[in-house]
Amino acid sequence: INNENLSLYVNELSKKIKKVLMRQALDDTSRGRYEGDIDFSNLHRIRTDCQIFKKDVQGNKNNVRFAILVDESGSMAGDKIINALLGCWMIAKAAQKLKIPFAVYGHDEGFGTETFRLRRYIPFEKSRKLSSLNELFKMESRENNRDGLAIFHTCRELVCSAQDNEDLYFIILSDGAPAASNYGGKEAIQDMREVINTFKK
């Protein structure tokens, strides 16, 4: 995690998030004005319309909130859970740099018991604490995964925690292989689609 390359990735990810998801917050310069500061690149217009001034315009802040869900099923063993952990860490670190509130969850379901487990590794209220990222190292591959139920509870907490005028983003890190008792294949895909569509509305 202390690798310099990861820091570079986090910085690049932060820039992309700010540009793509927080684009309304970007500052800009309004050119071709009748008043403001002289825009030397537009002095040629002095003979035509006299629009030779510019003015810096501060962008409106675009508030964003993330919920990150990590698949901790048995099929995520080995490199998959390590890559999911690293991806989650980089997203969380970038969110901290941009002061974006976020929460991180992991999920699995017990073999035979059908006991669904949703772990809150980082709740929204602790996401700004640098030390909160240490909780991510408790992630591991475990048992089954009933993704639709995990998506439902994570999105519900995302919506319930949201402030006014926030854009909400749900991010899931998974190998895309739902498997639990009487759960998998097309039925699981349809279940997840219905849950996601419910929250999109």
Protein backbone atom coordinates (compact mmCIF):
# COMPACT_ATOMS: atom_id res chain seq x y z
CA ILE A 1 0.00 0.00 0.00
CA ASN A 2 2.96 2.31 0.54
CA ASN A 3 4.16 1.67 -3.01
CA GLU A 4 4.83 4.94 -4.84
CA ASN A 5 2.99 3.66 -7.92
CA LEU A 6 -0.23 3.32 -5.91
CA SER A 7 0.08 6.96 -4.84
CA LEU A 8 0.35 7.93 -8.48
CA TYR A 9 -2.73 5.86 -9.30
CA VAL A 10 -4.66 7.51 -6.46
CA ASN A 11 -3.68 10.99 -7.68
CA GLU A 12 -4.74 10.12 -11.24
CA LEU A 13 -8.01 8.62 -10.00
CA SER A 14 -8.69 11.74 -7.90
CA LYS A 15 -8.25 13.94 -10.98
CA LYS A 16 -10.59 11.77 -13.05
CA ILE A 17 -13.26 11.69 -10.33
CA LYS A 18 -13.11 15.47 -10.00
CA LYS A 19 -13.31 15.97 -13.77
CA VAL A 20 -16.02 13.41 -14.51
CA LEU A 21 -18.18 13.24 -11.37
CA MET A 22 -17.56 16.68 -9.91
CA ARG A 23 -17.29 18.62 -13.18
CA GLN A 24 -19.68 21.36 -12.02
CA ALA A 25 -17.11 22.23 -9.37
CA LEU A 26 -14.39 23.07 -11.89
CA ASP A 27 -13.32 26.69 -12.17
CA ASP A 28 -13.34 28.29 -15.59
CA THR A 29 -12.48 31.54 -17.37
CA SER A 30 -15.16 33.47 -19.25
CA ARG A 31 -13.58 35.16 -22.27
CA GLY A 32 -14.79 37.67 -24.85
CA ARG A 33 -16.35 40.02 -22.29
CA TYR A 34 -16.91 43.78 -22.29
CA GLU A 35 -15.44 44.10 -18.78
CA GLY A 36 -13.06 42.33 -16.46
CA ASP A 37 -9.33 41.73 -16.75
CA ILE A 38 -7.62 42.34 -20.09
CA ASP A 39 -7.27 39.09 -22.05
CA PHE A 40 -4.09 39.64 -24.06
CA SER A 41 -4.92 36.70 -26.33
CA ASN A 42 -8.03 38.60 -27.50
CA LEU A 43 -6.50 42.04 -28.14
CA HIS A 44 -7.05 41.57 -31.87
CA ARG A 45 -10.81 42.07 -31.20
CA ILE A 46 -10.27 45.68 -30.10
CA ARG A 47 -10.90 46.82 -33.70
CA THR A 48 -14.18 44.87 -33.99
CA ASP A 49 -16.37 44.28 -30.94
CA CYS A 50 -14.05 45.38 -28.08
CA GLN A 51 -14.68 42.09 -26.26
CA ILE A 52 -11.12 41.94 -25.01
CA PHE A 53 -11.73 41.16 -21.32
CA LYS A 54 -11.93 37.97 -19.29
CA LYS A 55 -13.30 36.99 -15.90
CA ASP A 56 -12.54 33.98 -13.73
CA VAL A 57 -15.68 32.05 -12.82
CA GLN A 58 -15.79 29.74 -9.81
CA GLY A 59 -17.66 26.50 -10.45
CA ASN A 60 -20.60 25.43 -8.34
CA LYS A 61 -19.76 22.68 -5.89
CA ASN A 62 -21.15 19.34 -7.01
CA ASN A 63 -21.59 17.13 -3.93
CA VAL A 64 -20.95 13.41 -4.35
CA ARG A 65 -21.37 10.37 -2.07
CA PHE A 66 -20.03 6.82 -2.64
CA ALA A 67 -21.06 3.41 -1.34
CA ILE A 68 -18.56 0.64 -2.10
CA LEU A 69 -19.56 -3.02 -1.81
CA VAL A 70 -16.97 -5.82 -1.93
CA ASP A 71 -17.84 -9.44 -2.69
CA GLU A 72 -16.25 -11.61 0.03
CA SER A 73 -17.46 -14.97 -1.29
CA GLY A 74 -15.30 -18.06 -1.61
CA SER A 75 -14.83 -17.56 -5.35
CA MET A 76 -12.97 -14.33 -4.56
CA ALA A 77 -10.09 -16.26 -2.95
CA GLY A 78 -6.50 -15.49 -3.91
CA ASP A 79 -5.67 -12.65 -6.29
CA LYS A 80 -9.33 -11.62 -6.70
CA ILE A 81 -9.82 -10.51 -3.10
CA ILE A 82 -6.37 -8.85 -3.07
CA ASN A 83 -7.21 -6.89 -6.23
CA ALA A 84 -10.64 -5.98 -4.83
CA LEU A 85 -8.98 -4.76 -1.63
CA LEU A 86 -6.45 -2.66 -3.55
CA GLY A 87 -9.17 -1.23 -5.81
CA CYS A 88 -11.33 -0.42 -2.81
CA TRP A 89 -8.37 1.18 -0.99
CA MET A 90 -7.54 3.40 -3.98
CA ILE A 91 -11.16 4.54 -4.43
CA ALA A 92 -11.44 5.27 -0.70
CA LYS A 93 -8.11 7.13 -0.63
CA ALA A 94 -9.13 9.22 -3.66
CA ALA A 95 -12.48 9.99 -1.98
CA GLN A 96 -10.65 11.16 1.14
CA LYS A 97 -8.43 13.47 -0.94
CA LEU A 98 -11.55 15.00 -2.52
CA LYS A 99 -13.48 15.09 0.81
CA ILE A 100 -16.18 12.81 -0.64
CA PRO A 101 -18.17 10.94 2.04
CA PHE A 102 -18.12 7.21 1.44
CA ALA A 103 -18.82 3.89 3.11
CA VAL A 104 -17.32 0.46 2.49
CA TYR A 105 -19.18 -2.82 2.94
CA GLY A 106 -18.32 -6.47 2.47
CA HIS A 107 -20.77 -9.36 2.22
CA ASP A 108 -21.18 -13.12 2.14
CA GLU A 109 -23.68 -15.81 3.16
CA GLY A 110 -23.05 -18.93 5.23
CA PHE A 111 -22.95 -22.36 3.57
CA GLY A 112 -26.18 -24.23 4.30
CA THR A 113 -27.28 -21.74 6.97
CA GLU A 114 -28.44 -19.05 4.51
CA THR A 115 -27.24 -16.49 7.05
CA PHE A 116 -26.64 -13.24 5.19
CA ARG A 117 -23.78 -11.10 6.49
CA LEU A 118 -23.13 -7.46 5.61
CA ARG A 119 -20.01 -5.97 7.19
CA ARG A 120 -19.60 -2.21 7.53
CA TYR A 121 -15.85 -1.72 7.29
CA ILE A 122 -16.05 2.06 7.03
CA PRO A 123 -19.31 3.87 7.86
CA PHE A 124 -20.04 7.26 6.29
CA GLU A 125 -19.42 9.14 9.53
CA LYS A 126 -15.85 7.78 9.82
CA SER A 127 -14.82 8.02 6.18
CA ARG A 128 -12.68 11.16 6.63
CA LYS A 129 -10.45 9.53 9.24
CA LEU A 130 -7.21 8.38 7.61
CA SER A 131 -6.98 5.48 10.06
CA SER A 132 -10.35 4.13 8.87
CA LEU A 133 -8.66 2.64 5.79
CA ASN A 134 -6.91 0.13 8.05
CA GLU A 135 -10.27 -1.61 8.51
CA LEU A 136 -10.16 -2.70 4.86
CA PHE A 137 -7.38 -5.20 5.64
CA LYS A 138 -9.92 -7.31 7.54
CA MET A 139 -11.51 -8.29 4.22
CA GLU A 140 -11.18 -11.91 3.14
CA SER A 141 -12.90 -14.48 0.95
CA ARG A 142 -15.46 -16.41 2.99
CA GLU A 143 -18.52 -18.41 1.89
CA ASN A 144 -21.49 -17.83 -0.50
CA ASN A 145 -22.82 -14.57 -1.94
CA ARG A 146 -26.42 -13.44 -2.42
CA ASP A 147 -25.62 -10.24 -4.30
CA GLY A 148 -29.12 -8.83 -4.71
CA LEU A 149 -29.68 -8.68 -0.96
CA ALA A 150 -26.27 -7.08 -0.38
CA ILE A 151 -26.91 -4.49 -3.08
CA PHE A 152 -30.33 -3.71 -1.57
CA HIS A 153 -29.00 -3.05 1.95
CA THR A 154 -25.97 -1.08 0.73
CA CYS A 155 -28.05 1.14 -1.57
CA ARG A 156 -30.64 1.66 1.17
CA GLU A 157 -27.95 2.93 3.54
CA LEU A 158 -26.55 5.12 0.75
CA VAL A 159 -29.96 6.71 0.13
CA CYS A 160 -30.77 7.08 3.84
CA SER A 161 -27.45 8.81 4.56
CA ALA A 162 -27.66 11.18 1.58
CA GLN A 163 -27.74 14.94 2.06
CA ASP A 164 -29.65 17.38 -0.15
CA ASN A 165 -28.26 17.91 -3.67
CA GLU A 166 -25.83 14.98 -3.55
CA ASP A 167 -25.13 12.73 -6.52
CA LEU A 168 -25.09 9.14 -5.26
CA TYR A 169 -22.76 6.48 -6.67
CA PHE A 170 -22.83 2.76 -5.89
CA ILE A 171 -19.64 0.82 -6.69
CA ILE A 172 -19.40 -2.97 -6.48
CA LEU A 173 -16.16 -4.95 -6.66
CA SER A 174 -16.92 -8.58 -7.50
CA ASP A 175 -15.98 -11.46 -9.79
CA GLY A 176 -19.58 -11.48 -11.05
CA ALA A 177 -20.33 -15.03 -9.88
CA PRO A 178 -23.35 -14.96 -7.50
CA ALA A 179 -23.81 -18.32 -5.78
CA ALA A 180 -25.93 -19.20 -2.75
CA SER A 181 -28.67 -21.66 -1.86
CA ASN A 182 -31.25 -21.56 -4.71
CA TYR A 183 -29.50 -18.46 -6.05
CA GLY A 184 -27.40 -18.11 -9.17
CA GLY A 185 -27.41 -17.74 -12.94
CA LYS A 186 -30.26 -15.91 -14.67
CA GLU A 187 -32.38 -15.72 -11.51
CA ALA A 188 -29.59 -13.91 -9.65
CA ILE A 189 -29.04 -11.53 -12.56
CA GLN A 190 -32.75 -10.69 -12.68
CA ASP A 191 -32.81 -10.21 -8.89
CA MET A 192 -29.90 -7.75 -9.02
CA ARG A 193 -31.42 -5.91 -11.97
CA GLU A 194 -34.72 -5.41 -10.12
CA VAL A 195 -32.96 -4.14 -6.99
CA ILE A 196 -30.81 -1.67 -8.95
CA ASN A 197 -33.79 -0.42 -10.97
CA THR A 198 -35.71 0.17 -7.74
CA PHE A 199 -32.99 2.49 -6.45
CA LYS A 200 -32.51 4.20 -9.80
CA LYS A 201 -36.14 5.34 -9.51
